[in-house]
Amino acid sequence: VTPTPEESAELANIMNQIDTYREEMVMRFILGIEPLENFDKYLAQMKKLGIDRAIQIYQAALERYKSR
Protein backbone atom coordinates (compact mmCIF):
# COMPACT_ATOMS: atom_id res chain seq x y z
CA VAL A 1 0.00 0.00 0.00
CA THR A 2 1.72 3.15 -1.22
CA PRO A 3 0.39 6.69 -0.94
CA THR A 4 1.05 9.18 -3.71
CA PRO A 5 4.04 11.52 -3.24
CA GLU A 6 1.70 14.33 -2.16
CA GLU A 7 -0.12 12.05 0.26
CA SER A 8 3.20 10.78 1.63
CA ALA A 9 4.35 14.31 2.47
CA GLU A 10 1.06 15.16 4.14
CA LEU A 11 0.97 11.83 5.96
CA ALA A 12 4.53 12.24 7.25
CA ASN A 13 3.67 15.63 8.71
CA ILE A 14 0.48 14.39 10.36
CA MET A 15 1.95 11.16 11.70
CA ASN A 16 5.04 12.86 13.10
CA GLN A 17 2.85 15.01 15.33
CA ILE A 18 0.49 12.16 16.18
CA ASP A 19 3.27 9.70 17.05
CA THR A 20 4.95 12.19 19.36
CA TYR A 21 1.69 13.03 21.13
CA ARG A 22 0.63 9.37 21.35
CA GLU A 23 3.93 8.25 22.87
CA GLU A 24 3.81 11.01 25.46
CA MET A 25 0.20 10.39 26.43
CA VAL A 26 0.46 6.60 26.59
CA MET A 27 3.25 6.95 29.13
CA ARG A 28 1.27 9.55 31.07
CA PHE A 29 -1.76 7.23 31.20
CA ILE A 30 0.34 4.20 32.20
CA LEU A 31 2.20 6.09 34.93
CA GLY A 32 -1.01 7.60 36.27
CA ILE A 33 0.08 11.16 35.58
CA GLU A 34 -2.92 11.60 33.30
CA PRO A 35 -6.20 10.18 34.63
CA LEU A 36 -8.14 7.85 32.33
CA GLU A 37 -11.07 10.23 32.64
CA ASN A 38 -9.16 12.43 30.19
CA PHE A 39 -9.09 9.75 27.47
CA ASP A 40 -11.85 11.54 25.55
CA LYS A 41 -9.72 14.69 25.57
CA TYR A 42 -6.84 12.60 24.22
CA LEU A 43 -9.03 11.37 21.37
CA ALA A 44 -10.23 14.90 20.63
CA GLN A 45 -6.63 16.10 20.42
CA MET A 46 -5.79 13.24 18.04
CA LYS A 47 -8.60 14.45 15.79
CA LYS A 48 -7.25 18.01 15.95
CA LEU A 49 -3.84 16.69 14.92
CA GLY A 50 -5.38 15.12 11.82
CA ILE A 51 -5.83 11.43 12.58
CA ASP A 52 -8.98 11.31 10.45
CA ARG A 53 -7.08 12.69 7.45
CA ALA A 54 -4.30 10.13 7.97
CA ILE A 55 -6.91 7.36 7.96
CA GLN A 56 -8.37 8.76 4.73
CA ILE A 57 -4.95 8.71 3.09
CA TYR A 58 -4.30 5.12 4.15
CA GLN A 59 -7.78 4.11 3.00
CA ALA A 60 -7.29 5.74 -0.43
CA ALA A 61 -3.94 3.96 -0.84
CA LEU A 62 -5.56 0.67 0.11
CA GLU A 63 -8.38 1.18 -2.36
CA ARG A 64 -5.89 1.92 -5.15
CA TYR A 65 -3.98 -1.24 -4.24
CA LYS A 66 -7.13 -3.37 -4.24
CA SER A 67 -8.20 -2.02 -7.64
CA ARG A 68 -4.99 -3.20 -9.35
PDB file of N, CA and C in Angstrom:
ATOM      1  N   VAL A   1       0.858  -1.165   0.000  1.00  0.00           N
ATOM      2  CA  VAL A   1       0.000   0.000   0.000  1.00  0.00           C
ATOM      3  C   VAL A   1       0.908   1.233   0.000  1.00  0.00           C
ATOM      4  N   THR A   2       0.841   2.000  -1.077  1.00  0.00           N
ATOM      5  CA  THR A   2       1.721   3.150  -1.223  1.00  0.00           C
ATOM      6  C   THR A   2       0.920   4.413  -1.513  1.00  0.00           C
ATOM      7  N   PRO A   3       1.042   5.407  -0.653  1.00  0.00           N
ATOM      8  CA  PRO A   3       0.388   6.685  -0.935  1.00  0.00           C
ATOM      9  C   PRO A   3       1.115   7.412  -2.067  1.00  0.00           C
ATOM     10  N   THR A   4       0.428   8.354  -2.674  1.00  0.00           N
ATOM     11  CA  THR A   4       1.049   9.179  -3.709  1.00  0.00           C
ATOM     12  C   THR A   4       2.125  10.050  -3.049  1.00  0.00           C
ATOM     13  N   PRO A   5       3.011  10.647  -3.841  1.00  0.00           N
ATOM     14  CA  PRO A   5       4.043  11.523  -3.245  1.00  0.00           C
ATOM     15  C   PRO A   5       3.431  12.667  -2.424  1.00  0.00           C
ATOM     16  N   GLU A   6       2.352  13.243  -2.911  1.00  0.00           N
ATOM     17  CA  GLU A   6       1.700  14.330  -2.165  1.00  0.00           C
ATOM     18  C   GLU A   6       1.110  13.806  -0.862  1.00  0.00           C
ATOM     19  N   GLU A   7       0.460  12.645  -0.942  1.00  0.00           N
ATOM     20  CA  GLU A   7      -0.119  12.049   0.262  1.00  0.00           C
ATOM     21  C   GLU A   7       0.977  11.671   1.250  1.00  0.00           C
ATOM     22  N   SER A   8       2.100  11.173   0.751  1.00  0.00           N
ATOM     23  CA  SER A   8       3.205  10.784   1.628  1.00  0.00           C
ATOM     24  C   SER A   8       3.730  11.969   2.427  1.00  0.00           C
ATOM     25  N   ALA A   9       3.866  13.108   1.771  1.00  0.00           N
ATOM     26  CA  ALA A   9       4.352  14.306   2.466  1.00  0.00           C
ATOM     27  C   ALA A   9       3.364  14.744   3.535  1.00  0.00           C
ATOM     28  N   GLU A  10       2.086  14.769   3.175  1.00  0.00           N
ATOM     29  CA  GLU A  10       1.057  15.159   4.143  1.00  0.00           C
ATOM     30  C   GLU A  10       0.990  14.162   5.292  1.00  0.00           C
ATOM     31  N   LEU A  11       1.049  12.881   4.958  1.00  0.00           N
ATOM     32  CA  LEU A  11       0.974  11.830   5.965  1.00  0.00           C
ATOM     33  C   LEU A  11       2.163  11.895   6.918  1.00  0.00           C
ATOM     34  N   ALA A  12       3.340  12.143   6.396  1.00  0.00           N
ATOM     35  CA  ALA A  12       4.529  12.244   7.248  1.00  0.00           C
ATOM     36  C   ALA A  12       4.383  13.368   8.259  1.00  0.00           C
ATOM     37  N   ASN A  13       3.867  14.502   7.817  1.00  0.00           N
ATOM     38  CA  ASN A  13       3.672  15.634   8.714  1.00  0.00           C
ATOM     39  C   ASN A  13       2.656  15.298   9.808  1.00  0.00           C
ATOM     40  N   ILE A  14       1.539  14.738   9.402  1.00  0.00           N
ATOM     41  CA  ILE A  14       0.477  14.391  10.358  1.00  0.00           C
ATOM     42  C   ILE A  14       0.982  13.344  11.346  1.00  0.00           C
ATOM     43  N   MET A  15       1.565  12.264  10.834  1.00  0.00           N
ATOM     44  CA  MET A  15       1.949  11.158  11.695  1.00  0.00           C
ATOM     45  C   MET A  15       3.111  11.508  12.617  1.00  0.00           C
ATOM     46  N   ASN A  16       3.967  12.420  12.216  1.00  0.00           N
ATOM     47  CA  ASN A  16       5.041  12.860  13.096  1.00  0.00           C
ATOM     48  C   ASN A  16       4.457  13.480  14.362  1.00  0.00           C
ATOM     49  N   GLN A  17       3.489  14.357  14.185  1.00  0.00           N
ATOM     50  CA  GLN A  17       2.849  15.006  15.329  1.00  0.00           C
ATOM     51  C   GLN A  17       2.057  14.003  16.160  1.00  0.00           C
ATOM     52  N   ILE A  18       1.318  13.136  15.481  1.00  0.00           N
ATOM     53  CA  ILE A  18       0.485  12.156  16.185  1.00  0.00           C
ATOM     54  C   ILE A  18       1.350  11.178  16.970  1.00  0.00           C
ATOM     55  N   ASP A  19       2.410  10.670  16.363  1.00  0.00           N
ATOM     56  CA  ASP A  19       3.269   9.703  17.046  1.00  0.00           C
ATOM     57  C   ASP A  19       3.897  10.297  18.302  1.00  0.00           C
ATOM     58  N   THR A  20       4.352  11.527  18.200  1.00  0.00           N
ATOM     59  CA  THR A  20       4.948  12.193  19.356  1.00  0.00           C
ATOM     60  C   THR A  20       3.915  12.341  20.477  1.00  0.00           C
ATOM     61  N   TYR A  21       2.744  12.834  20.130  1.00  0.00           N
ATOM     62  CA  TYR A  21       1.687  13.028  21.130  1.00  0.00           C
ATOM     63  C   TYR A  21       1.255  11.695  21.733  1.00  0.00           C
ATOM     64  N   ARG A  22       1.077  10.682  20.887  1.00  0.00           N
ATOM     65  CA  ARG A  22       0.632   9.365  21.350  1.00  0.00           C
ATOM     66  C   ARG A  22       1.627   8.769  22.339  1.00  0.00           C
ATOM     67  N   GLU A  23       2.914   8.806  21.984  1.00  0.00           N
ATOM     68  CA  GLU A  23       3.934   8.251  22.866  1.00  0.00           C
ATOM     69  C   GLU A  23       3.927   8.935  24.230  1.00  0.00           C
ATOM     70  N   GLU A  24       3.833  10.255  24.205  1.00  0.00           N
ATOM     71  CA  GLU A  24       3.813  11.015  25.465  1.00  0.00           C
ATOM     72  C   GLU A  24       2.594  10.649  26.304  1.00  0.00           C
ATOM     73  N   MET A  25       1.439  10.622  25.669  1.00  0.00           N
ATOM     74  CA  MET A  25       0.203  10.394  26.428  1.00  0.00           C
ATOM     75  C   MET A  25       0.063   8.955  26.913  1.00  0.00           C
ATOM     76  N   VAL A  26       0.528   7.999  26.142  1.00  0.00           N
ATOM     77  CA  VAL A  26       0.462   6.600  26.590  1.00  0.00           C
ATOM     78  C   VAL A  26       1.257   6.457  27.887  1.00  0.00           C
ATOM     79  N   MET A  27       2.443   7.026  27.906  1.00  0.00           N
ATOM     80  CA  MET A  27       3.251   6.953  29.128  1.00  0.00           C
ATOM     81  C   MET A  27       2.566   7.670  30.289  1.00  0.00           C
ATOM     82  N   ARG A  28       1.960   8.796  30.014  1.00  0.00           N
ATOM     83  CA  ARG A  28       1.266   9.545  31.074  1.00  0.00           C
ATOM     84  C   ARG A  28       0.089   8.740  31.625  1.00  0.00           C
ATOM     85  N   PHE A  29      -0.641   8.064  30.745  1.00  0.00           N
ATOM     86  CA  PHE A  29      -1.761   7.225  31.201  1.00  0.00           C
ATOM     87  C   PHE A  29      -1.243   6.028  32.003  1.00  0.00           C
ATOM     88  N   ILE A  30      -0.203   5.369  31.515  1.00  0.00           N
ATOM     89  CA  ILE A  30       0.342   4.202  32.203  1.00  0.00           C
ATOM     90  C   ILE A  30       0.885   4.572  33.575  1.00  0.00           C
ATOM     91  N   LEU A  31       1.596   5.683  33.665  1.00  0.00           N
ATOM     92  CA  LEU A  31       2.199   6.093  34.931  1.00  0.00           C
ATOM     93  C   LEU A  31       1.207   6.748  35.883  1.00  0.00           C
ATOM     94  N   GLY A  32      -0.010   6.992  35.411  1.00  0.00           N
ATOM     95  CA  GLY A  32      -1.015   7.600  36.271  1.00  0.00           C
ATOM     96  C   GLY A  32      -0.915   9.104  36.367  1.00  0.00           C
ATOM     97  N   ILE A  33      -0.051   9.705  35.582  1.00  0.00           N
ATOM     98  CA  ILE A  33       0.082  11.164  35.580  1.00  0.00           C
ATOM     99  C   ILE A  33      -1.176  11.784  34.990  1.00  0.00           C
ATOM    100  N   GLU A  34      -1.694  11.138  33.965  1.00  0.00           N
ATOM    101  CA  GLU A  34      -2.916  11.598  33.298  1.00  0.00           C
ATOM    102  C   GLU A  34      -4.032  10.614  33.657  1.00  0.00           C
ATOM    103  N   PRO A  35      -5.112  11.099  34.268  1.00  0.00           N
ATOM    104  CA  PRO A  35      -6.196  10.178  34.629  1.00  0.00           C
ATOM    105  C   PRO A  35      -6.933   9.662  33.388  1.00  0.00           C
ATOM    106  N   LEU A  36      -7.414   8.434  33.463  1.00  0.00           N
ATOM    107  CA  LEU A  36      -8.137   7.845  32.331  1.00  0.00           C
ATOM    108  C   LEU A  36      -9.424   8.596  32.007  1.00  0.00           C
ATOM    109  N   GLU A  37      -9.899   9.410  32.915  1.00  0.00           N
ATOM    110  CA  GLU A  37     -11.074  10.230  32.642  1.00  0.00           C
ATOM    111  C   GLU A  37     -10.802  11.217  31.512  1.00  0.00           C
ATOM    112  N   ASN A  38      -9.529  11.487  31.242  1.00  0.00           N
ATOM    113  CA  ASN A  38      -9.157  12.426  30.185  1.00  0.00           C
ATOM    114  C   ASN A  38      -8.936  11.751  28.831  1.00  0.00           C
ATOM    115  N   PHE A  39      -9.300  10.472  28.727  1.00  0.00           N
ATOM    116  CA  PHE A  39      -9.085   9.752  27.473  1.00  0.00           C
ATOM    117  C   PHE A  39      -9.869  10.387  26.330  1.00  0.00           C
ATOM    118  N   ASP A  40     -11.068  10.874  26.599  1.00  0.00           N
ATOM    119  CA  ASP A  40     -11.854  11.539  25.548  1.00  0.00           C
ATOM    120  C   ASP A  40     -11.150  12.808  25.060  1.00  0.00           C
ATOM    121  N   LYS A  41     -10.486  13.513  25.963  1.00  0.00           N
ATOM    122  CA  LYS A  41      -9.716  14.694  25.568  1.00  0.00           C
ATOM    123  C   LYS A  41      -8.535  14.278  24.687  1.00  0.00           C
ATOM    124  N   TYR A  42      -7.934  13.148  25.026  1.00  0.00           N
ATOM    125  CA  TYR A  42      -6.835  12.604  24.222  1.00  0.00           C
ATOM    126  C   TYR A  42      -7.323  12.319  22.804  1.00  0.00           C
ATOM    127  N   LEU A  43      -8.476  11.670  22.686  1.00  0.00           N
ATOM    128  CA  LEU A  43      -9.028  11.366  21.367  1.00  0.00           C
ATOM    129  C   LEU A  43      -9.369  12.637  20.598  1.00  0.00           C
ATOM    130  N   ALA A  44      -9.902  13.627  21.282  1.00  0.00           N
ATOM    131  CA  ALA A  44     -10.232  14.896  20.632  1.00  0.00           C
ATOM    132  C   ALA A  44      -8.965  15.572  20.100  1.00  0.00           C
ATOM    133  N   GLN A  45      -7.890  15.508  20.872  1.00  0.00           N
ATOM    134  CA  GLN A  45      -6.625  16.104  20.418  1.00  0.00           C
ATOM    135  C   GLN A  45      -6.070  15.345  19.213  1.00  0.00           C
ATOM    136  N   MET A  46      -6.235  14.027  19.201  1.00  0.00           N
ATOM    137  CA  MET A  46      -5.785  13.239  18.045  1.00  0.00           C
ATOM    138  C   MET A  46      -6.533  13.685  16.789  1.00  0.00           C
ATOM    139  N   LYS A  47      -7.814  13.965  16.930  1.00  0.00           N
ATOM    140  CA  LYS A  47      -8.600  14.451  15.792  1.00  0.00           C
ATOM    141  C   LYS A  47      -8.097  15.818  15.340  1.00  0.00           C
ATOM    142  N   LYS A  48      -7.782  16.689  16.293  1.00  0.00           N
ATOM    143  CA  LYS A  48      -7.251  18.014  15.953  1.00  0.00           C
ATOM    144  C   LYS A  48      -5.917  17.901  15.214  1.00  0.00           C
ATOM    145  N   LEU A  49      -5.138  16.885  15.555  1.00  0.00           N
ATOM    146  CA  LEU A  49      -3.838  16.688  14.916  1.00  0.00           C
ATOM    147  C   LEU A  49      -3.962  16.074  13.523  1.00  0.00           C
ATOM    148  N   GLY A  50      -5.155  15.605  13.179  1.00  0.00           N
ATOM    149  CA  GLY A  50      -5.384  15.117  11.819  1.00  0.00           C
ATOM    150  C   GLY A  50      -5.454  13.618  11.637  1.00  0.00           C
ATOM    151  N   ILE A  51      -5.774  12.886  12.697  1.00  0.00           N
ATOM    152  CA  ILE A  51      -5.827  11.431  12.579  1.00  0.00           C
ATOM    153  C   ILE A  51      -6.857  10.975  11.544  1.00  0.00           C
ATOM    154  N   ASP A  52      -7.968  11.691  11.437  1.00  0.00           N
ATOM    155  CA  ASP A  52      -8.983  11.315  10.453  1.00  0.00           C
ATOM    156  C   ASP A  52      -8.453  11.462   9.026  1.00  0.00           C
ATOM    157  N   ARG A  53      -7.678  12.495   8.779  1.00  0.00           N
ATOM    158  CA  ARG A  53      -7.082  12.690   7.446  1.00  0.00           C
ATOM    159  C   ARG A  53      -6.056  11.589   7.155  1.00  0.00           C
ATOM    160  N   ALA A  54      -5.285  11.204   8.154  1.00  0.00           N
ATOM    161  CA  ALA A  54      -4.304  10.129   7.972  1.00  0.00           C
ATOM    162  C   ALA A  54      -5.016   8.827   7.608  1.00  0.00           C
ATOM    163  N   ILE A  55      -6.122   8.553   8.270  1.00  0.00           N
ATOM    164  CA  ILE A  55      -6.906   7.356   7.960  1.00  0.00           C
ATOM    165  C   ILE A  55      -7.429   7.424   6.536  1.00  0.00           C
ATOM    166  N   GLN A  56      -7.888   8.597   6.111  1.00  0.00           N
ATOM    167  CA  GLN A  56      -8.373   8.760   4.733  1.00  0.00           C
ATOM    168  C   GLN A  56      -7.267   8.472   3.721  1.00  0.00           C
ATOM    169  N   ILE A  57      -6.071   8.945   4.001  1.00  0.00           N
ATOM    170  CA  ILE A  57      -4.948   8.715   3.092  1.00  0.00           C
ATOM    171  C   ILE A  57      -4.633   7.225   3.003  1.00  0.00           C
ATOM    172  N   TYR A  58      -4.554   6.567   4.152  1.00  0.00           N
ATOM    173  CA  TYR A  58      -4.297   5.124   4.149  1.00  0.00           C
ATOM    174  C   TYR A  58      -5.408   4.368   3.424  1.00  0.00           C
ATOM    175  N   GLN A  59      -6.648   4.777   3.637  1.00  0.00           N
ATOM    176  CA  GLN A  59      -7.783   4.112   2.995  1.00  0.00           C
ATOM    177  C   GLN A  59      -7.723   4.286   1.475  1.00  0.00           C
ATOM    178  N   ALA A  60      -7.388   5.492   1.011  1.00  0.00           N
ATOM    179  CA  ALA A  60      -7.289   5.739  -0.429  1.00  0.00           C
ATOM    180  C   ALA A  60      -6.169   4.891  -1.032  1.00  0.00           C
ATOM    181  N   ALA A  61      -5.041   4.793  -0.345  1.00  0.00           N
ATOM    182  CA  ALA A  61      -3.943   3.965  -0.840  1.00  0.00           C
ATOM    183  C   ALA A  61      -4.354   2.497  -0.898  1.00  0.00           C
ATOM    184  N   LEU A  62      -5.073   2.036   0.099  1.00  0.00           N
ATOM    185  CA  LEU A  62      -5.556   0.666   0.115  1.00  0.00           C
ATOM    186  C   LEU A  62      -6.520   0.403  -1.036  1.00  0.00           C
ATOM    187  N   GLU A  63      -7.421   1.335  -1.269  1.00  0.00           N
ATOM    188  CA  GLU A  63      -8.380   1.179  -2.363  1.00  0.00           C
ATOM    189  C   GLU A  63      -7.666   1.128  -3.713  1.00  0.00           C
ATOM    190  N   ARG A  64      -6.658   1.964  -3.897  1.00  0.00           N
ATOM    191  CA  ARG A  64      -5.888   1.920  -5.151  1.00  0.00           C
ATOM    192  C   ARG A  64      -5.193   0.575  -5.295  1.00  0.00           C
ATOM    193  N   TYR A  65      -4.654   0.067  -4.217  1.00  0.00           N
ATOM    194  CA  TYR A  65      -3.984  -1.236  -4.244  1.00  0.00           C
ATOM    195  C   TYR A  65      -4.969  -2.349  -4.609  1.00  0.00           C
ATOM    196  N   LYS A  66      -6.119  -2.325  -3.986  1.00  0.00           N
ATOM    197  CA  LYS A  66      -7.127  -3.365  -4.238  1.00  0.00           C
ATOM    198  C   LYS A  66      -7.675  -3.317  -5.655  1.00  0.00           C
ATOM    199  N   SER A  67      -7.640  -2.158  -6.282  1.00  0.00           N
ATOM    200  CA  SER A  67      -8.199  -2.015  -7.642  1.00  0.00           C
ATOM    201  C   SER A  67      -7.201  -2.422  -8.733  1.00  0.00           C
ATOM    202  N   ARG A  68      -5.992  -2.789  -8.363  1.00  0.00           N
ATOM    203  CA  ARG A  68      -4.988  -3.200  -9.353  1.00  0.00           C
ATOM    204  C   ARG A  68      -5.353  -4.510  -9.995  1.00  0.00           C
TER     205      ARG A  68
END
